[in-house]
Amino acid sequence: MLFLVTGIILILTGGLVSVLFWVPSLVNRQKLKELLGSRYPLVYLVYSANGPVLFLAGIMLVMKYFAIY
């Protein structure tokens, strides 16, 4: 049951971060480029760690709970 609940939380969190990052009005990338300068690629590292990776980890936990793989 812990795998299922944790997986669902990770799926929701990862999905929410992904949606929020790609909605243009919520994240002003031009402003981020100005603020971060040469460190701007770190934005994509943080996004990937908190978006798709959390989503995939959640899916794997749910699959583990249901013994799909």
N, C-alpha and C. Protein backbone atom coordinates (compact mmCIF):
# COMPACT_ATOMS: atom_id res chain seq x y z
N MET A 1 0.82 -1.19 0.00
CA MET A 1 0.00 0.00 0.00
C MET A 1 0.87 1.26 0.00
N LEU A 2 2.02 1.17 0.68
CA LEU A 2 2.93 2.32 0.70
C LEU A 2 3.44 2.65 -0.70
N PHE A 3 3.75 1.60 -1.50
CA PHE A 3 4.20 1.82 -2.87
C PHE A 3 3.13 2.54 -3.69
N LEU A 4 1.89 2.14 -3.51
CA LEU A 4 0.79 2.73 -4.27
C LEU A 4 0.60 4.20 -3.92
N VAL A 5 0.53 4.51 -2.65
CA VAL A 5 0.31 5.90 -2.21
C VAL A 5 1.49 6.79 -2.61
N THR A 6 2.70 6.31 -2.37
CA THR A 6 3.88 7.08 -2.73
C THR A 6 3.95 7.28 -4.24
N GLY A 7 3.63 6.23 -4.99
CA GLY A 7 3.64 6.33 -6.45
C GLY A 7 2.64 7.35 -6.96
N ILE A 8 1.44 7.33 -6.40
CA ILE A 8 0.42 8.29 -6.83
C ILE A 8 0.85 9.72 -6.52
N ILE A 9 1.43 9.93 -5.36
CA ILE A 9 1.91 11.27 -4.98
C ILE A 9 3.00 11.73 -5.94
N LEU A 10 3.94 10.83 -6.27
CA LEU A 10 5.01 11.19 -7.19
C LEU A 10 4.49 11.46 -8.60
N ILE A 11 3.52 10.68 -9.04
CA ILE A 11 2.93 10.90 -10.37
C ILE A 11 2.25 12.27 -10.42
N LEU A 12 1.49 12.59 -9.40
CA LEU A 12 0.80 13.89 -9.39
C LEU A 12 1.79 15.05 -9.31
N THR A 13 2.81 14.91 -8.47
CA THR A 13 3.81 15.97 -8.33
C THR A 13 4.59 16.15 -9.63
N GLY A 14 5.06 15.06 -10.21
CA GLY A 14 5.81 15.14 -11.46
C GLY A 14 4.98 15.70 -12.59
N GLY A 15 3.73 15.29 -12.67
CA GLY A 15 2.85 15.82 -13.71
C GLY A 15 2.59 17.30 -13.54
N LEU A 16 2.37 17.71 -12.30
CA LEU A 16 2.11 19.13 -12.02
C LEU A 16 3.33 20.00 -12.35
N VAL A 17 4.51 19.55 -11.96
CA VAL A 17 5.73 20.31 -12.27
C VAL A 17 5.92 20.41 -13.78
N SER A 18 5.68 19.32 -14.49
CA SER A 18 5.84 19.33 -15.95
C SER A 18 4.87 20.31 -16.60
N VAL A 19 3.63 20.28 -16.19
CA VAL A 19 2.63 21.18 -16.77
C VAL A 19 2.97 22.64 -16.45
N LEU A 20 3.31 22.90 -15.19
CA LEU A 20 3.62 24.27 -14.80
C LEU A 20 4.84 24.81 -15.53
N PHE A 21 5.82 23.96 -15.78
CA PHE A 21 7.04 24.43 -16.45
C PHE A 21 6.77 24.80 -17.91
N TRP A 22 5.89 24.08 -18.57
CA TRP A 22 5.69 24.31 -19.99
C TRP A 22 4.56 25.28 -20.31
N VAL A 23 3.85 25.78 -19.32
CA VAL A 23 2.84 26.81 -19.57
C VAL A 23 3.57 28.15 -19.61
N PRO A 24 3.58 28.80 -20.76
CA PRO A 24 4.40 30.01 -20.93
C PRO A 24 4.10 31.14 -19.96
N SER A 25 2.86 31.31 -19.57
CA SER A 25 2.53 32.45 -18.71
C SER A 25 2.98 32.25 -17.27
N LEU A 26 3.27 31.02 -16.86
CA LEU A 26 3.67 30.77 -15.48
C LEU A 26 5.18 30.87 -15.27
N VAL A 27 5.96 30.45 -16.25
CA VAL A 27 7.41 30.51 -16.14
C VAL A 27 7.92 31.39 -17.27
N ASN A 28 8.43 32.55 -16.92
CA ASN A 28 8.96 33.49 -17.91
C ASN A 28 10.43 33.12 -18.18
N ARG A 29 10.65 32.34 -19.23
CA ARG A 29 12.00 31.85 -19.51
C ARG A 29 12.97 32.97 -19.88
N GLN A 30 12.46 33.99 -20.55
CA GLN A 30 13.34 35.12 -20.92
C GLN A 30 13.87 35.81 -19.68
N LYS A 31 13.02 35.99 -18.69
CA LYS A 31 13.45 36.60 -17.42
C LYS A 31 14.45 35.70 -16.71
N LEU A 32 14.22 34.39 -16.74
CA LEU A 32 15.17 33.45 -16.14
C LEU A 32 16.52 33.51 -16.82
N LYS A 33 16.52 33.65 -18.15
CA LYS A 33 17.80 33.76 -18.89
C LYS A 33 18.57 35.00 -18.45
N GLU A 34 17.84 36.10 -18.24
CA GLU A 34 18.49 37.34 -17.81
C GLU A 34 19.06 37.20 -16.40
N LEU A 35 18.30 36.56 -15.51
CA LEU A 35 18.74 36.42 -14.13
C LEU A 35 19.89 35.43 -13.97
N LEU A 36 19.84 34.31 -14.67
CA LEU A 36 20.82 33.25 -14.46
C LEU A 36 22.04 33.35 -15.37
N GLY A 37 21.88 33.99 -16.50
CA GLY A 37 23.01 34.14 -17.41
C GLY A 37 23.52 32.80 -17.91
N SER A 38 24.80 32.51 -17.68
CA SER A 38 25.41 31.28 -18.18
C SER A 38 24.94 30.05 -17.41
N ARG A 39 24.30 30.24 -16.27
CA ARG A 39 23.81 29.10 -15.49
C ARG A 39 22.39 28.70 -15.90
N TYR A 40 21.86 29.28 -16.95
CA TYR A 40 20.50 28.99 -17.38
C TYR A 40 20.24 27.51 -17.66
N PRO A 41 21.18 26.73 -18.23
CA PRO A 41 20.90 25.30 -18.45
C PRO A 41 20.57 24.53 -17.17
N LEU A 42 20.93 25.06 -16.01
CA LEU A 42 20.56 24.41 -14.76
C LEU A 42 19.05 24.36 -14.56
N VAL A 43 18.33 25.27 -15.19
CA VAL A 43 16.87 25.26 -15.10
C VAL A 43 16.34 23.94 -15.65
N TYR A 44 16.92 23.49 -16.76
CA TYR A 44 16.46 22.23 -17.35
C TYR A 44 16.85 21.04 -16.50
N LEU A 45 17.98 21.11 -15.83
CA LEU A 45 18.38 20.03 -14.92
C LEU A 45 17.40 19.94 -13.75
N VAL A 46 17.06 21.06 -13.17
CA VAL A 46 16.11 21.08 -12.05
C VAL A 46 14.73 20.62 -12.53
N TYR A 47 14.33 21.08 -13.72
CA TYR A 47 13.04 20.66 -14.25
C TYR A 47 13.00 19.14 -14.46
N SER A 48 14.05 18.59 -15.08
CA SER A 48 14.03 17.16 -15.37
C SER A 48 14.06 16.33 -14.09
N ALA A 49 14.74 16.83 -13.06
CA ALA A 49 14.79 16.10 -11.80
C ALA A 49 13.45 16.15 -11.08
N ASN A 50 12.69 17.20 -11.29
CA ASN A 50 11.44 17.37 -10.55
C ASN A 50 10.19 17.14 -11.38
N GLY A 51 10.33 16.92 -12.65
CA GLY A 51 9.16 16.70 -13.50
C GLY A 51 9.08 15.26 -13.96
N PRO A 52 9.68 14.99 -15.10
CA PRO A 52 9.56 13.64 -15.68
C PRO A 52 10.16 12.54 -14.82
N VAL A 53 11.22 12.82 -14.09
CA VAL A 53 11.85 11.78 -13.26
C VAL A 53 10.91 11.37 -12.12
N LEU A 54 10.28 12.34 -11.48
CA LEU A 54 9.31 12.01 -10.43
C LEU A 54 8.12 11.25 -11.00
N PHE A 55 7.69 11.66 -12.18
CA PHE A 55 6.56 11.00 -12.83
C PHE A 55 6.90 9.53 -13.12
N LEU A 56 8.08 9.29 -13.68
CA LEU A 56 8.50 7.92 -13.99
C LEU A 56 8.71 7.09 -12.72
N ALA A 57 9.27 7.69 -11.70
CA ALA A 57 9.45 6.97 -10.44
C ALA A 57 8.10 6.58 -9.85
N GLY A 58 7.13 7.46 -9.95
CA GLY A 58 5.79 7.16 -9.46
C GLY A 58 5.15 6.02 -10.24
N ILE A 59 5.32 6.04 -11.55
CA ILE A 59 4.77 4.96 -12.37
C ILE A 59 5.43 3.62 -12.00
N MET A 60 6.73 3.64 -11.78
CA MET A 60 7.42 2.40 -11.41
C MET A 60 6.95 1.88 -10.06
N LEU A 61 6.70 2.77 -9.11
CA LEU A 61 6.21 2.33 -7.80
C LEU A 61 4.80 1.74 -7.90
N VAL A 62 3.95 2.35 -8.70
CA VAL A 62 2.60 1.81 -8.87
C VAL A 62 2.66 0.46 -9.57
N MET A 63 3.54 0.36 -10.56
CA MET A 63 3.71 -0.93 -11.24
C MET A 63 4.24 -1.99 -10.27
N LYS A 64 5.13 -1.59 -9.39
CA LYS A 64 5.67 -2.51 -8.40
C LYS A 64 4.55 -2.98 -7.46
N TYR A 65 3.68 -2.09 -7.08
CA TYR A 65 2.57 -2.43 -6.19
C TYR A 65 1.65 -3.48 -6.85
N PHE A 66 1.36 -3.26 -8.12
CA PHE A 66 0.49 -4.19 -8.83
C PHE A 66 1.26 -5.36 -9.43
N ALA A 67 2.57 -5.43 -9.20
CA ALA A 67 3.45 -6.50 -9.68
C ALA A 67 3.35 -6.68 -11.19
N ILE A 68 3.37 -5.56 -11.90
CA ILE A 68 3.29 -5.60 -13.36
C ILE A 68 4.64 -5.94 -13.96
N TYR A 69 5.71 -5.50 -13.33
CA TYR A 69 7.04 -5.86 -13.86
C TYR A 69 7.85 -6.55 -12.83
